[in-house]
Amino acid sequence: QVQLVESGGGLVQPGGSLRLSCAASGIRFETYHMGWYRQAPGKQRELVAWVTTGGEVKYTESVKGRFTISKDNTKDTVYLQMNSLKPEDTAVYYCNADRIYDKVVRGIFDSWGQGTQVTVSS
């Protein structure tokens, strides 16, 4: 059973940076597509960035050029480097994983971890 633990969130000023980590266990990490998602208060959870088993990365339009997703198969960990943060990036950030690409893109999962809070404020 997949277990995912997100960390690295915090309070940062606009323009600042944070690096989120998602440690996975219980799966053959290198065979899973990985995604980072976020949910702001009063809004639906949205896909932010994702990386395929082949290393292809994609981003939602609002974070392109500012966020970078990376995957370390030796550590079973996926990262989200967030630069030039804006107040609208404030949300709880989650990661999730699946072997089926469409499930990652559509965010169709039976369970989610507790996420990590990112607050961008002066």
C-alpha atoms as a PDB file:
ATOM      1  CA  GLN A   1       0.000   0.000   0.000  1.00  0.00           C
ATOM      2  CA  VAL A   2       1.383   3.355  -0.986  1.00  0.00           C
ATOM      3  CA  GLN A   3       2.323   5.756   1.768  1.00  0.00           C
ATOM      4  CA  LEU A   4       3.256   9.330   0.988  1.00  0.00           C
ATOM      5  CA  VAL A   5       4.508  11.914   3.453  1.00  0.00           C
ATOM      6  CA  GLU A   6       4.730  15.547   2.416  1.00  0.00           C
ATOM      7  CA  SER A   7       7.000  18.052   4.136  1.00  0.00           C
ATOM      8  CA  GLY A   8       8.735  21.375   3.629  1.00  0.00           C
ATOM      9  CA  GLY A   9       5.872  23.821   3.804  1.00  0.00           C
ATOM     10  CA  GLY A  10       5.875  27.013   5.815  1.00  0.00           C
ATOM     11  CA  LEU A  11       5.349  30.745   5.846  1.00  0.00           C
ATOM     12  CA  VAL A  12       7.268  32.716   3.242  1.00  0.00           C
ATOM     13  CA  GLN A  13       7.149  36.268   1.947  1.00  0.00           C
ATOM     14  CA  PRO A  14       6.081  37.021  -1.612  1.00  0.00           C
ATOM     15  CA  GLY A  15       8.984  36.404  -3.941  1.00  0.00           C
ATOM     16  CA  GLY A  16      10.475  33.797  -1.652  1.00  0.00           C
ATOM     17  CA  SER A  17      11.173  30.115  -2.193  1.00  0.00           C
ATOM     18  CA  LEU A  18      10.317  26.788  -0.632  1.00  0.00           C
ATOM     19  CA  ARG A  19      11.201  23.206  -1.453  1.00  0.00           C
ATOM     20  CA  LEU A  20       8.600  20.572  -0.769  1.00  0.00           C
ATOM     21  CA  SER A  21       9.434  16.894  -0.395  1.00  0.00           C
ATOM     22  CA  CYS A  22       7.252  13.823  -0.720  1.00  0.00           C
ATOM     23  CA  ALA A  23       8.690  10.580   0.577  1.00  0.00           C
ATOM     24  CA  ALA A  24       7.071   7.417  -0.736  1.00  0.00           C
ATOM     25  CA  SER A  25       7.036   3.912   0.662  1.00  0.00           C
ATOM     26  CA  GLY A  26       5.221   0.689  -0.071  1.00  0.00           C
ATOM     27  CA  ILE A  27       5.587   1.003  -3.830  1.00  0.00           C
ATOM     28  CA  ARG A  28       8.146   0.449  -6.558  1.00  0.00           C
ATOM     29  CA  PHE A  29       8.729   4.147  -6.791  1.00  0.00           C
ATOM     30  CA  GLU A  30      10.319   4.176 -10.233  1.00  0.00           C
ATOM     31  CA  THR A  31       7.209   2.619 -11.769  1.00  0.00           C
ATOM     32  CA  TYR A  32       4.849   5.358 -10.566  1.00  0.00           C
ATOM     33  CA  HIS A  33       3.938   8.671 -12.099  1.00  0.00           C
ATOM     34  CA  MET A  34       4.002  11.369  -9.421  1.00  0.00           C
ATOM     35  CA  GLY A  35       1.986  14.518  -9.005  1.00  0.00           C
ATOM     36  CA  TRP A  36       1.902  17.567  -6.772  1.00  0.00           C
ATOM     37  CA  TYR A  37      -1.497  19.074  -6.061  1.00  0.00           C
ATOM     38  CA  ARG A  38      -2.756  21.968  -3.986  1.00  0.00           C
ATOM     39  CA  GLN A  39      -5.977  23.045  -2.375  1.00  0.00           C
ATOM     40  CA  ALA A  40      -6.606  26.604  -1.326  1.00  0.00           C
ATOM     41  CA  PRO A  41      -9.377  27.489   1.155  1.00  0.00           C
ATOM     42  CA  GLY A  42     -12.765  27.315  -0.509  1.00  0.00           C
ATOM     43  CA  LYS A  43     -11.360  25.927  -3.744  1.00  0.00           C
ATOM     44  CA  GLN A  44     -11.091  22.538  -5.359  1.00  0.00           C
ATOM     45  CA  ARG A  45      -7.849  20.633  -5.293  1.00  0.00           C
ATOM     46  CA  GLU A  46      -5.855  21.225  -8.448  1.00  0.00           C
ATOM     47  CA  LEU A  47      -2.921  19.537 -10.131  1.00  0.00           C
ATOM     48  CA  VAL A  48       0.167  21.728 -10.021  1.00  0.00           C
ATOM     49  CA  ALA A  49       2.992  19.660 -11.481  1.00  0.00           C
ATOM     50  CA  TRP A  50       3.604  16.074 -12.448  1.00  0.00           C
ATOM     51  CA  VAL A  51       6.423  13.828 -13.540  1.00  0.00           C
ATOM     52  CA  THR A  52       6.137  10.596 -15.458  1.00  0.00           C
ATOM     53  CA  THR A  53       8.117   7.418 -14.975  1.00  0.00           C
ATOM     54  CA  GLY A  54      10.088   8.454 -18.050  1.00  0.00           C
ATOM     55  CA  GLY A  55      11.031  11.770 -16.506  1.00  0.00           C
ATOM     56  CA  GLU A  56       8.728  13.983 -18.516  1.00  0.00           C
ATOM     57  CA  VAL A  57       7.562  16.952 -16.455  1.00  0.00           C
ATOM     58  CA  LYS A  58       4.533  19.168 -16.891  1.00  0.00           C
ATOM     59  CA  TYR A  59       3.063  22.114 -15.048  1.00  0.00           C
ATOM     60  CA  THR A  60      -0.174  23.957 -14.735  1.00  0.00           C
ATOM     61  CA  GLU A  61       0.008  27.302 -16.482  1.00  0.00           C
ATOM     62  CA  SER A  62       0.023  29.427 -13.337  1.00  0.00           C
ATOM     63  CA  VAL A  63       3.274  27.951 -12.016  1.00  0.00           C
ATOM     64  CA  LYS A  64       5.266  27.538 -15.229  1.00  0.00           C
ATOM     65  CA  GLY A  65       8.687  29.120 -14.941  1.00  0.00           C
ATOM     66  CA  ARG A  66       8.447  29.321 -11.147  1.00  0.00           C
ATOM     67  CA  PHE A  67       8.024  25.737  -9.931  1.00  0.00           C
ATOM     68  CA  THR A  68      10.185  22.723 -10.714  1.00  0.00           C
ATOM     69  CA  ILE A  69       9.231  19.117 -10.024  1.00  0.00           C
ATOM     70  CA  SER A  70      11.907  16.481  -9.749  1.00  0.00           C
ATOM     71  CA  LYS A  71      12.038  12.838  -8.801  1.00  0.00           C
ATOM     72  CA  ASP A  72      14.848  10.960  -7.096  1.00  0.00           C
ATOM     73  CA  ASN A  73      14.403   7.233  -7.619  1.00  0.00           C
ATOM     74  CA  THR A  74      17.317   6.470  -5.280  1.00  0.00           C
ATOM     75  CA  LYS A  75      15.507   8.145  -2.395  1.00  0.00           C
ATOM     76  CA  ASP A  76      11.916   7.343  -3.373  1.00  0.00           C
ATOM     77  CA  THR A  77      11.206  11.038  -3.106  1.00  0.00           C
ATOM     78  CA  VAL A  78       9.645  13.667  -5.324  1.00  0.00           C
ATOM     79  CA  TYR A  79      10.368  17.347  -4.838  1.00  0.00           C
ATOM     80  CA  LEU A  80       8.685  20.586  -5.731  1.00  0.00           C
ATOM     81  CA  GLN A  81      10.979  23.591  -5.840  1.00  0.00           C
ATOM     82  CA  MET A  82       8.855  26.724  -5.663  1.00  0.00           C
ATOM     83  CA  ASN A  83      10.399  30.076  -6.504  1.00  0.00           C
ATOM     84  CA  SER A  84       8.954  33.567  -6.890  1.00  0.00           C
ATOM     85  CA  LEU A  85       6.075  32.611  -4.670  1.00  0.00           C
ATOM     86  CA  LYS A  86       2.899  34.656  -4.789  1.00  0.00           C
ATOM     87  CA  PRO A  87       0.069  35.027  -2.266  1.00  0.00           C
ATOM     88  CA  GLU A  88      -2.159  33.048  -4.629  1.00  0.00           C
ATOM     89  CA  ASP A  89       0.146  30.052  -4.175  1.00  0.00           C
ATOM     90  CA  THR A  90      -1.088  29.776  -0.596  1.00  0.00           C
ATOM     91  CA  ALA A  91      -2.625  26.332  -0.162  1.00  0.00           C
ATOM     92  CA  VAL A  92      -2.162  22.894   1.321  1.00  0.00           C
ATOM     93  CA  TYR A  93       0.110  20.959  -1.010  1.00  0.00           C
ATOM     94  CA  TYR A  94      -0.269  17.231  -1.522  1.00  0.00           C
ATOM     95  CA  CYS A  95       1.523  14.608  -3.525  1.00  0.00           C
ATOM     96  CA  ASN A  96       0.120  11.433  -4.947  1.00  0.00           C
ATOM     97  CA  ALA A  97       1.152   8.613  -7.217  1.00  0.00           C
ATOM     98  CA  ASP A  98      -0.172   6.024  -9.586  1.00  0.00           C
ATOM     99  CA  ARG A  99       0.965   3.749 -12.383  1.00  0.00           C
ATOM    100  CA  ILE A 100      -1.897   5.003 -14.505  1.00  0.00           C
ATOM    101  CA  TYR A 101      -1.013   8.379 -15.965  1.00  0.00           C
ATOM    102  CA  ASP A 102      -4.602   9.484 -16.379  1.00  0.00           C
ATOM    103  CA  LYS A 103      -5.297   9.020 -12.682  1.00  0.00           C
ATOM    104  CA  VAL A 104      -2.421  11.313 -11.798  1.00  0.00           C
ATOM    105  CA  VAL A 105      -3.521  13.967 -14.273  1.00  0.00           C
ATOM    106  CA  ARG A 106      -7.139  13.794 -13.124  1.00  0.00           C
ATOM    107  CA  GLY A 107      -6.292  13.450  -9.440  1.00  0.00           C
ATOM    108  CA  ILE A 108      -8.376  10.316  -8.996  1.00  0.00           C
ATOM    109  CA  PHE A 109      -7.209   8.712  -5.785  1.00  0.00           C
ATOM    110  CA  ASP A 110      -8.912   6.842  -2.980  1.00  0.00           C
ATOM    111  CA  SER A 111      -6.884   8.579  -0.311  1.00  0.00           C
ATOM    112  CA  TRP A 112      -4.694  11.562   0.314  1.00  0.00           C
ATOM    113  CA  GLY A 113      -2.030  12.348   2.861  1.00  0.00           C
ATOM    114  CA  GLN A 114      -2.212  15.243   5.278  1.00  0.00           C
ATOM    115  CA  GLY A 115      -0.335  17.558   2.973  1.00  0.00           C
ATOM    116  CA  THR A 116       1.922  20.443   3.885  1.00  0.00           C
ATOM    117  CA  GLN A 117       0.740  24.022   4.333  1.00  0.00           C
ATOM    118  CA  VAL A 118       2.313  26.759   2.237  1.00  0.00           C
ATOM    119  CA  THR A 119       1.462  30.316   3.184  1.00  0.00           C
ATOM    120  CA  VAL A 120       2.752  33.230   1.143  1.00  0.00           C
ATOM    121  CA  SER A 121       2.236  36.482   2.967  1.00  0.00           C
ATOM    122  CA  SER A 122       4.066  39.617   3.973  1.00  0.00           C
END
